[in-house]
Amino acid sequence: MPYQEETIKTIGDRLRLLLAAGHKSRFPMLKELFSETVGGNPHLEVERAWMFETGFDLAGVPMAGFDVRVRLFANLIENMIEKYRSSYANVGRALGTGVEVEVRWAPLAFMEASVGYRYLFARDLVDDLPLDFRTPHRLVLGIRFLTRAGFTAGLEVLCASGQRSVYFDTLTAEWVNDELPPHVLVNGRLRYELQAGPAVGLYVFMDGRNPLDASYVSGSFEPRPGREVVIGLGVEL
C-alpha cells in the first residue's frame, strides 16, 4: 500500500483535517551490499516501514495571507538499514515519530515569509538506544520575494540541534557517547522565468548552498559540506 495523504474533513474554506497511512519497502543499494570501502554487507534484508500521519491545514487565520500546517507522524521500521562503525547492518526494529509545524505569512503581494519547526524522536527499539546521528530539533526560517517580471529571490536559514550516537566499543569494552554539535546554515536561490509558450515553463536559476562556508557535520560518516554554487536551466511542463 503506497503512502497517500487523504483529506478526511473540510470545515468551511479555512480548515482541512488530514489522515495518511502506508507501507514502504526499501531494498539495499549495491554499495550497502558489496562495497569494500564503505562496509558492504551481502546479508542485508529488505527494510520495511509502516507509516502514519495526521494533521490539519488552517488558512487565513488570524488574518488573510496567514497559513498554518501541522503534522504528527510515526514510522515503525523493520530491518532498518544503518551504518554501524565499519559496516552496514539491519536494525531489528526502529521507531521514528514527531511533529512538524509550518507557518507561512504573505503580508505583501511580492513577499512571503515562513517559519518551520520539526521535532524527531528516533530510537532503536531492540537495543533501546537512539538511532545514529538523527537531528531531534530543526528550525527553518525563510523569506521569498517575487516580481511580475518573473524574477524570484529566496533566503533560508536552517538551525539544527546536535546529533548523538551511543555504541559499544569492542576494543575498549566501553560504551561511547558520540555527539555532533548544533549548526546554522544559510542557503539562497535566484530564479528567473523565461517566456517559452503557454504549455512550457522555462527558467534559469542559481542556488547558493552554505555561501558562508559554515563548518558542520551532518549524519554518520559524512564529509563536511562546504560552499556550493549551482547554476542551471529548468523546464516545467
C-alpha atoms as a PDB file:
ATOM      1  CA  MET A   1       0.000   0.000   0.000  1.00  0.00           C
ATOM      2  CA  PRO A   2       1.684   3.276  -1.073  1.00  0.00           C
ATOM      3  CA  TYR A   3       1.852   6.230   1.280  1.00  0.00           C
ATOM      4  CA  GLN A   4      -1.010   8.584   0.461  1.00  0.00           C
ATOM      5  CA  GLU A   5      -2.428  11.643   2.190  1.00  0.00           C
ATOM      6  CA  GLU A   6      -6.205  11.839   2.410  1.00  0.00           C
ATOM      7  CA  THR A   7      -8.474  14.715   3.343  1.00  0.00           C
ATOM      8  CA  ILE A   8     -10.910  13.322   5.896  1.00  0.00           C
ATOM      9  CA  LYS A   9     -12.787  16.543   6.685  1.00  0.00           C
ATOM     10  CA  THR A  10     -13.009  20.055   5.285  1.00  0.00           C
ATOM     11  CA  ILE A  11     -14.610  22.677   7.512  1.00  0.00           C
ATOM     12  CA  GLY A  12     -15.521  25.792   5.571  1.00  0.00           C
ATOM     13  CA  ASP A  13     -12.781  27.185   3.362  1.00  0.00           C
ATOM     14  CA  ARG A  14     -10.194  27.579   6.142  1.00  0.00           C
ATOM     15  CA  LEU A  15      -9.726  24.279   7.985  1.00  0.00           C
ATOM     16  CA  ARG A  16      -8.775  20.924   6.478  1.00  0.00           C
ATOM     17  CA  LEU A  17      -8.163  17.743   8.528  1.00  0.00           C
ATOM     18  CA  LEU A  18      -5.922  15.043   7.085  1.00  0.00           C
ATOM     19  CA  LEU A  19      -5.006  11.416   7.685  1.00  0.00           C
ATOM     20  CA  ALA A  20      -2.457   9.239   5.885  1.00  0.00           C
ATOM     21  CA  ALA A  21      -1.127   5.698   6.172  1.00  0.00           C
ATOM     22  CA  GLY A  22       1.054   3.451   4.059  1.00  0.00           C
ATOM     23  CA  HIS A  23       3.755   0.840   3.749  1.00  0.00           C
ATOM     24  CA  LYS A  24       7.158   1.107   2.078  1.00  0.00           C
ATOM     25  CA  SER A  25       9.813  -1.474   1.197  1.00  0.00           C
ATOM     26  CA  ARG A  26      13.413  -0.369   0.560  1.00  0.00           C
ATOM     27  CA  PHE A  27      15.838  -2.830  -0.971  1.00  0.00           C
ATOM     28  CA  PRO A  28      19.550  -2.498  -0.101  1.00  0.00           C
ATOM     29  CA  MET A  29      21.668  -0.466  -2.522  1.00  0.00           C
ATOM     30  CA  LEU A  30      24.666  -2.030  -4.265  1.00  0.00           C
ATOM     31  CA  LYS A  31      27.173  -0.105  -2.127  1.00  0.00           C
ATOM     32  CA  GLU A  32      25.383  -1.301   1.027  1.00  0.00           C
ATOM     33  CA  LEU A  33      25.614  -4.900  -0.166  1.00  0.00           C
ATOM     34  CA  PHE A  34      29.028  -5.189  -1.803  1.00  0.00           C
ATOM     35  CA  SER A  35      31.244  -2.140  -1.293  1.00  0.00           C
ATOM     36  CA  GLU A  36      34.602  -2.954   0.284  1.00  0.00           C
ATOM     37  CA  THR A  37      35.370   0.687   1.079  1.00  0.00           C
ATOM     38  CA  VAL A  38      32.204   1.612   2.984  1.00  0.00           C
ATOM     39  CA  GLY A  39      31.468  -1.701   4.663  1.00  0.00           C
ATOM     40  CA  GLY A  40      29.155  -3.608   2.353  1.00  0.00           C
ATOM     41  CA  ASN A  41      27.084  -6.439   3.828  1.00  0.00           C
ATOM     42  CA  PRO A  42      25.667  -9.003   1.324  1.00  0.00           C
ATOM     43  CA  HIS A  43      23.371 -10.432   4.020  1.00  0.00           C
ATOM     44  CA  LEU A  44      21.233  -7.303   4.418  1.00  0.00           C
ATOM     45  CA  GLU A  45      17.486  -7.843   4.453  1.00  0.00           C
ATOM     46  CA  VAL A  46      14.795  -5.639   2.919  1.00  0.00           C
ATOM     47  CA  GLU A  47      13.842  -2.611   5.036  1.00  0.00           C
ATOM     48  CA  ARG A  48      10.082  -2.304   5.598  1.00  0.00           C
ATOM     49  CA  ALA A  49       8.256   0.668   7.093  1.00  0.00           C
ATOM     50  CA  TRP A  50       4.687   1.254   8.251  1.00  0.00           C
ATOM     51  CA  MET A  51       3.939   4.998   8.116  1.00  0.00           C
ATOM     52  CA  PHE A  52       1.169   7.034   9.730  1.00  0.00           C
ATOM     53  CA  GLU A  53       0.477  10.762   9.601  1.00  0.00           C
ATOM     54  CA  THR A  54      -2.295  13.090  10.677  1.00  0.00           C
ATOM     55  CA  GLY A  55      -2.709  16.830  10.986  1.00  0.00           C
ATOM     56  CA  PHE A  56      -4.504  19.888   9.722  1.00  0.00           C
ATOM     57  CA  ASP A  57      -4.132  22.927   7.453  1.00  0.00           C
ATOM     58  CA  LEU A  58      -5.512  26.273   8.590  1.00  0.00           C
ATOM     59  CA  ALA A  59      -5.756  29.143   6.081  1.00  0.00           C
ATOM     60  CA  GLY A  60      -6.421  32.827   6.679  1.00  0.00           C
ATOM     61  CA  VAL A  61      -6.415  32.691  10.486  1.00  0.00           C
ATOM     62  CA  PRO A  62      -5.948  35.026  12.331  1.00  0.00           C
ATOM     63  CA  MET A  63      -5.526  37.232   9.213  1.00  0.00           C
ATOM     64  CA  ALA A  64      -5.536  36.999   5.440  1.00  0.00           C
ATOM     65  CA  GLY A  65      -2.329  35.600   3.967  1.00  0.00           C
ATOM     66  CA  PHE A  66      -1.537  33.644   7.148  1.00  0.00           C
ATOM     67  CA  ASP A  67      -1.434  29.836   6.793  1.00  0.00           C
ATOM     68  CA  VAL A  68      -0.608  27.120   9.349  1.00  0.00           C
ATOM     69  CA  ARG A  69       0.309  23.496   8.619  1.00  0.00           C
ATOM     70  CA  VAL A  70       0.617  20.891  11.434  1.00  0.00           C
ATOM     71  CA  ARG A  71       1.571  17.216  11.036  1.00  0.00           C
ATOM     72  CA  LEU A  72       2.006  14.403  13.564  1.00  0.00           C
ATOM     73  CA  PHE A  73       3.832  11.364  12.184  1.00  0.00           C
ATOM     74  CA  ALA A  74       5.023   7.923  13.236  1.00  0.00           C
ATOM     75  CA  ASN A  75       7.122   5.414  11.275  1.00  0.00           C
ATOM     76  CA  LEU A  76       7.639   1.874  12.549  1.00  0.00           C
ATOM     77  CA  ILE A  77      10.516   0.261  10.658  1.00  0.00           C
ATOM     78  CA  GLU A  78      11.533  -3.397  10.473  1.00  0.00           C
ATOM     79  CA  ASN A  79      15.104  -4.338   9.455  1.00  0.00           C
ATOM     80  CA  MET A  80      16.171  -0.704   9.135  1.00  0.00           C
ATOM     81  CA  ILE A  81      19.473  -0.422   7.245  1.00  0.00           C
ATOM     82  CA  GLU A  82      22.061   1.514   9.258  1.00  0.00           C
ATOM     83  CA  LYS A  83      25.824   2.080   9.053  1.00  0.00           C
ATOM     84  CA  TYR A  84      27.412   0.829  12.281  1.00  0.00           C
ATOM     85  CA  ARG A  85      31.056   1.930  12.516  1.00  0.00           C
ATOM     86  CA  SER A  86      32.674  -0.341   9.912  1.00  0.00           C
ATOM     87  CA  SER A  87      29.771  -1.950   8.021  1.00  0.00           C
ATOM     88  CA  TYR A  88      26.076  -1.771   7.206  1.00  0.00           C
ATOM     89  CA  ALA A  89      23.632  -3.813   9.274  1.00  0.00           C
ATOM     90  CA  ASN A  90      19.904  -4.260   9.870  1.00  0.00           C
ATOM     91  CA  VAL A  91      18.287  -2.815  12.985  1.00  0.00           C
ATOM     92  CA  GLY A  92      15.645  -5.315  14.092  1.00  0.00           C
ATOM     93  CA  ARG A  93      13.020  -2.672  14.799  1.00  0.00           C
ATOM     94  CA  ALA A  94      13.153   1.125  14.906  1.00  0.00           C
ATOM     95  CA  LEU A  95      10.727   3.964  15.593  1.00  0.00           C
ATOM     96  CA  GLY A  96      10.684   7.497  14.230  1.00  0.00           C
ATOM     97  CA  THR A  97       7.952   9.807  15.462  1.00  0.00           C
ATOM     98  CA  GLY A  98       7.475  13.517  15.903  1.00  0.00           C
ATOM     99  CA  VAL A  99       5.714  16.695  14.838  1.00  0.00           C
ATOM    100  CA  GLU A 100       6.131  19.265  12.072  1.00  0.00           C
ATOM    101  CA  VAL A 101       4.726  22.801  12.234  1.00  0.00           C
ATOM    102  CA  GLU A 102       4.956  25.347   9.435  1.00  0.00           C
ATOM    103  CA  VAL A 103       3.630  28.911   9.399  1.00  0.00           C
ATOM    104  CA  ARG A 104       3.540  30.983   6.210  1.00  0.00           C
ATOM    105  CA  TRP A 105       2.694  34.668   6.003  1.00  0.00           C
ATOM    106  CA  ALA A 106       2.313  36.800   2.892  1.00  0.00           C
ATOM    107  CA  PRO A 107       1.975  40.379   4.188  1.00  0.00           C
ATOM    108  CA  LEU A 108       2.604  41.825   0.704  1.00  0.00           C
ATOM    109  CA  ALA A 109       1.826  40.607  -2.783  1.00  0.00           C
ATOM    110  CA  PHE A 110       5.520  40.264  -3.604  1.00  0.00           C
ATOM    111  CA  MET A 111       6.813  38.828  -0.311  1.00  0.00           C
ATOM    112  CA  GLU A 112       6.278  35.603   1.655  1.00  0.00           C
ATOM    113  CA  ALA A 113       7.881  34.637   4.975  1.00  0.00           C
ATOM    114  CA  SER A 114       7.845  31.227   6.632  1.00  0.00           C
ATOM    115  CA  VAL A 115       8.839  29.513   9.875  1.00  0.00           C
ATOM    116  CA  GLY A 116       9.068  25.742  10.163  1.00  0.00           C
ATOM    117  CA  TYR A 117       9.893  23.519  13.120  1.00  0.00           C
ATOM    118  CA  ARG A 118      10.344  19.752  13.359  1.00  0.00           C
ATOM    119  CA  TYR A 119      10.850  17.550  16.396  1.00  0.00           C
ATOM    120  CA  LEU A 120      12.013  13.974  15.794  1.00  0.00           C
ATOM    121  CA  PHE A 121      12.228  11.088  18.262  1.00  0.00           C
ATOM    122  CA  ALA A 122      14.199   8.242  16.630  1.00  0.00           C
ATOM    123  CA  ARG A 123      15.106   5.091  18.541  1.00  0.00           C
ATOM    124  CA  ASP A 124      16.425   1.574  18.083  1.00  0.00           C
ATOM    125  CA  LEU A 125      13.749  -0.449  19.876  1.00  0.00           C
ATOM    126  CA  VAL A 126      15.814  -3.644  20.056  1.00  0.00           C
ATOM    127  CA  ASP A 127      18.827  -2.231  21.936  1.00  0.00           C
ATOM    128  CA  ASP A 128      16.878   0.717  23.434  1.00  0.00           C
ATOM    129  CA  LEU A 129      19.318   3.279  22.022  1.00  0.00           C
ATOM    130  CA  PRO A 130      18.924   6.463  19.942  1.00  0.00           C
ATOM    131  CA  LEU A 131      19.298   5.936  16.212  1.00  0.00           C
ATOM    132  CA  ASP A 132      22.643   7.130  14.924  1.00  0.00           C
ATOM    133  CA  PHE A 133      23.017  10.853  14.308  1.00  0.00           C
ATOM    134  CA  ARG A 134      19.395  11.922  13.948  1.00  0.00           C
ATOM    135  CA  THR A 135      18.596  15.632  14.461  1.00  0.00           C
ATOM    136  CA  PRO A 136      15.921  15.994  17.189  1.00  0.00           C
ATOM    137  CA  HIS A 137      15.217  19.715  16.661  1.00  0.00           C
ATOM    138  CA  ARG A 138      15.265  21.615  13.377  1.00  0.00           C
ATOM    139  CA  LEU A 139      14.139  25.201  12.759  1.00  0.00           C
ATOM    140  CA  VAL A 140      13.898  26.720   9.269  1.00  0.00           C
ATOM    141  CA  LEU A 141      13.368  30.440   8.630  1.00  0.00           C
ATOM    142  CA  GLY A 142      12.671  31.586   5.088  1.00  0.00           C
ATOM    143  CA  ILE A 143      11.775  34.651   3.071  1.00  0.00           C
ATOM    144  CA  ARG A 144      10.938  34.923  -0.615  1.00  0.00           C
ATOM    145  CA  PHE A 145      10.433  37.866  -2.966  1.00  0.00           C
ATOM    146  CA  LEU A 146       8.536  37.660  -6.270  1.00  0.00           C
ATOM    147  CA  THR A 147       8.144  40.140  -9.116  1.00  0.00           C
ATOM    148  CA  ARG A 148       5.797  40.361 -12.076  1.00  0.00           C
ATOM    149  CA  ALA A 149       8.827  40.294 -14.377  1.00  0.00           C
ATOM    150  CA  GLY A 150       9.414  36.632 -13.448  1.00  0.00           C
ATOM    151  CA  PHE A 151      12.302  37.147 -11.013  1.00  0.00           C
ATOM    152  CA  THR A 152      12.277  35.310  -7.658  1.00  0.00           C
ATOM    153  CA  ALA A 153      14.778  35.562  -4.790  1.00  0.00           C
ATOM    154  CA  GLY A 154      14.747  33.439  -1.657  1.00  0.00           C
ATOM    155  CA  LEU A 155      16.804  33.140   1.519  1.00  0.00           C
ATOM    156  CA  GLU A 156      16.696  30.266   4.030  1.00  0.00           C
ATOM    157  CA  VAL A 157      18.310  29.890   7.458  1.00  0.00           C
ATOM    158  CA  LEU A 158      18.397  26.373   8.906  1.00  0.00           C
ATOM    159  CA  CYS A 159      19.156  25.806  12.605  1.00  0.00           C
ATOM    160  CA  ALA A 160      19.784  22.179  13.591  1.00  0.00           C
ATOM    161  CA  SER A 161      20.352  20.826  17.085  1.00  0.00           C
ATOM    162  CA  GLY A 162      23.203  18.484  17.937  1.00  0.00           C
ATOM    163  CA  GLN A 163      23.197  14.821  16.895  1.00  0.00           C
ATOM    164  CA  ARG A 164      24.096  11.814  19.022  1.00  0.00           C
ATOM    165  CA  SER A 165      25.150   8.200  18.712  1.00  0.00           C
ATOM    166  CA  VAL A 166      25.649   5.677  21.511  1.00  0.00           C
ATOM    167  CA  TYR A 167      27.511   2.437  20.797  1.00  0.00           C
ATOM    168  CA  PHE A 168      29.625  -0.235  22.462  1.00  0.00           C
ATOM    169  CA  ASP A 169      33.319  -0.172  21.519  1.00  0.00           C
ATOM    170  CA  THR A 170      34.564  -3.764  21.392  1.00  0.00           C
ATOM    171  CA  LEU A 171      38.218  -2.633  21.530  1.00  0.00           C
ATOM    172  CA  THR A 172      37.881  -0.744  24.821  1.00  0.00           C
ATOM    173  CA  ALA A 173      34.863  -2.706  26.130  1.00  0.00           C
ATOM    174  CA  GLU A 174      33.168   0.622  26.964  1.00  0.00           C
ATOM    175  CA  TRP A 175      30.064   2.470  25.862  1.00  0.00           C
ATOM    176  CA  VAL A 176      30.839   5.539  23.735  1.00  0.00           C
ATOM    177  CA  ASN A 177      28.610   8.626  23.559  1.00  0.00           C
ATOM    178  CA  ASP A 178      29.489  10.308  20.250  1.00  0.00           C
ATOM    179  CA  GLU A 179      27.975  13.771  19.809  1.00  0.00           C
ATOM    180  CA  LEU A 180      27.941  16.245  16.916  1.00  0.00           C
ATOM    181  CA  PRO A 181      27.457  19.959  17.707  1.00  0.00           C
ATOM    182  CA  PRO A 182      24.484  22.053  16.534  1.00  0.00           C
ATOM    183  CA  HIS A 183      24.918  24.157  13.416  1.00  0.00           C
ATOM    184  CA  VAL A 184      23.354  27.013  11.433  1.00  0.00           C
ATOM    185  CA  LEU A 185      23.260  27.062   7.632  1.00  0.00           C
ATOM    186  CA  VAL A 186      22.296  29.796   5.184  1.00  0.00           C
ATOM    187  CA  ASN A 187      21.031  28.936   1.685  1.00  0.00           C
ATOM    188  CA  GLY A 188      19.856  31.219  -1.118  1.00  0.00           C
ATOM    189  CA  ARG A 189      18.175  30.928  -4.521  1.00  0.00           C
ATOM    190  CA  LEU A 190      17.703  33.224  -7.515  1.00  0.00           C
ATOM    191  CA  ARG A 191      15.303  32.260 -10.295  1.00  0.00           C
ATOM    192  CA  TYR A 192      14.155  33.953 -13.487  1.00  0.00           C
ATOM    193  CA  GLU A 193      11.187  32.787 -15.582  1.00  0.00           C
ATOM    194  CA  LEU A 194      11.705  32.769 -19.355  1.00  0.00           C
ATOM    195  CA  GLN A 195       8.944  33.068 -21.937  1.00  0.00           C
ATOM    196  CA  ALA A 196       8.671  29.682 -23.696  1.00  0.00           C
ATOM    197  CA  GLY A 197       4.996  29.344 -24.578  1.00  0.00           C
ATOM    198  CA  PRO A 198       1.780  28.717 -22.631  1.00  0.00           C
ATOM    199  CA  ALA A 199       2.379  24.969 -22.086  1.00  0.00           C
ATOM    200  CA  VAL A 200       6.072  25.098 -21.125  1.00  0.00           C
ATOM    201  CA  GLY A 201       7.706  26.827 -18.169  1.00  0.00           C
ATOM    202  CA  LEU A 202      11.378  27.592 -18.784  1.00  0.00           C
ATOM    203  CA  TYR A 203      13.593  29.159 -16.123  1.00  0.00           C
ATOM    204  CA  VAL A 204      17.208  29.746 -15.149  1.00  0.00           C
ATOM    205  CA  PHE A 205      18.332  29.521 -11.539  1.00  0.00           C
ATOM    206  CA  MET A 206      21.303  29.889  -9.223  1.00  0.00           C
ATOM    207  CA  ASP A 207      21.426  28.146  -5.844  1.00  0.00           C
ATOM    208  CA  GLY A 208      23.911  29.201  -3.190  1.00  0.00           C
ATOM    209  CA  ARG A 209      24.255  26.436  -0.619  1.00  0.00           C
ATOM    210  CA  ASN A 210      26.160  27.316   2.519  1.00  0.00           C
ATOM    211  CA  PRO A 211      27.660  30.506   0.972  1.00  0.00           C
ATOM    212  CA  LEU A 212      29.090  31.478   4.387  1.00  0.00           C
ATOM    213  CA  ASP A 213      31.112  28.227   4.317  1.00  0.00           C
ATOM    214  CA  ALA A 214      29.945  27.139   7.776  1.00  0.00           C
ATOM    215  CA  SER A 215      31.794  24.097   9.121  1.00  0.00           C
ATOM    216  CA  TYR A 216      29.403  21.367  10.214  1.00  0.00           C
ATOM    217  CA  VAL A 217      28.855  17.616  10.259  1.00  0.00           C
ATOM    218  CA  SER A 218      25.550  16.033   9.300  1.00  0.00           C
ATOM    219  CA  GLY A 219      24.862  12.329   9.524  1.00  0.00           C
ATOM    220  CA  SER A 220      27.144   9.376  10.068  1.00  0.00           C
ATOM    221  CA  PHE A 221      30.401   9.039   8.125  1.00  0.00           C
ATOM    222  CA  GLU A 222      29.639  12.112   6.005  1.00  0.00           C
ATOM    223  CA  PRO A 223      32.200  14.737   4.898  1.00  0.00           C
ATOM    224  CA  ARG A 224      31.922  18.344   5.981  1.00  0.00           C
ATOM    225  CA  PRO A 225      29.977  20.071   3.182  1.00  0.00           C
ATOM    226  CA  GLY A 226      31.421  23.421   2.118  1.00  0.00           C
ATOM    227  CA  ARG A 227      30.344  26.356  -0.027  1.00  0.00           C
ATOM    228  CA  GLU A 228      28.482  25.314  -3.185  1.00  0.00           C
ATOM    229  CA  VAL A 229      27.009  27.261  -6.128  1.00  0.00           C
ATOM    230  CA  VAL A 230      24.710  25.577  -8.667  1.00  0.00           C
ATOM    231  CA  ILE A 231      23.667  27.323 -11.906  1.00  0.00           C
ATOM    232  CA  GLY A 232      21.167  25.627 -14.187  1.00  0.00           C
ATOM    233  CA  LEU A 233      18.295  25.677 -16.632  1.00  0.00           C
ATOM    234  CA  GLY A 234      14.919  24.096 -15.769  1.00  0.00           C
ATOM    235  CA  VAL A 235      11.745  23.172 -17.605  1.00  0.00           C
ATOM    236  CA  GLU A 236       8.239  22.816 -16.146  1.00  0.00           C
ATOM    237  CA  LEU A 237       5.588  21.056 -18.266  1.00  0.00           C
END
